[in-house]
């Protein structure tokens, strides 16, 4: 059974006979996309983990792309009713959109086991454990024989619009140069499976010999890394024309470490 953001109002905190529960089937996977409290945030989805695998994409409360201007979303080509529905229930409706996208990306939507979304954004839940990470959506049942805990909460990020699948990498850069500057560093990854756009990994003071680490949720599974493009820019015109380079760049895949 796959629960696509099961309902919160009238179901949360009720006995298991009333709501979806892991005892309902041999394998129950759940995608939570709208778990903010119903009052005052109009969260329609149940918050607690209730399946064998519970996925909380983007933290499970606010989905990227759902913070659109309400007027532009309500007065759209589909008419006021459809536009209002999509605006009010945008987070809730993302669950089935992620599921349908997951059919097209059997290697995508990896969920990282973690205590919370805040912890997921640190290095403590990266890379995937030895048994691997399950795939949110249609291929979640590939993980059926590997579940060890009563409840497994899984976190990942998605894109703002279709195609929603992203692949997580950790990038560690050690800078080289003669003097510190203010600015930002962008990285683009190139590989056997494709290339990413530029992703910003640090902004602010750039200090030569310092090491900076950031996560990249890439829009493509790059496969074997063939090249990394390093770009930096300073925020203001600097008459001394400072130079910065990368002494080392380490790219680590979340899937296999």
Foldseek 3Di string as FASTA:
>chain_A
DEAQQWFDPPPAPDDCVRGPAQVPDLFYEYEAQAPDDCPPLNRTGHDDFGTLEYECEVQRHDAAQLVDDLVDQQPDPVHNVVSNCCNSCVRSVVSVVQQVLCVVPVPFQFWFFDPGVVVVQDCPRFAHPPLWTAHPHDRNCVCSVVRDDPYTYTYYYFDNDPVTTWFKKKKKWAKAFDAKAFWWKWKKWAAPWGIFDTDTQDGTIDGHRDMGMHMDRTPTDRYGTDDMDMDIDGPDDDPVPTDMDTPDMDMGGSGPD
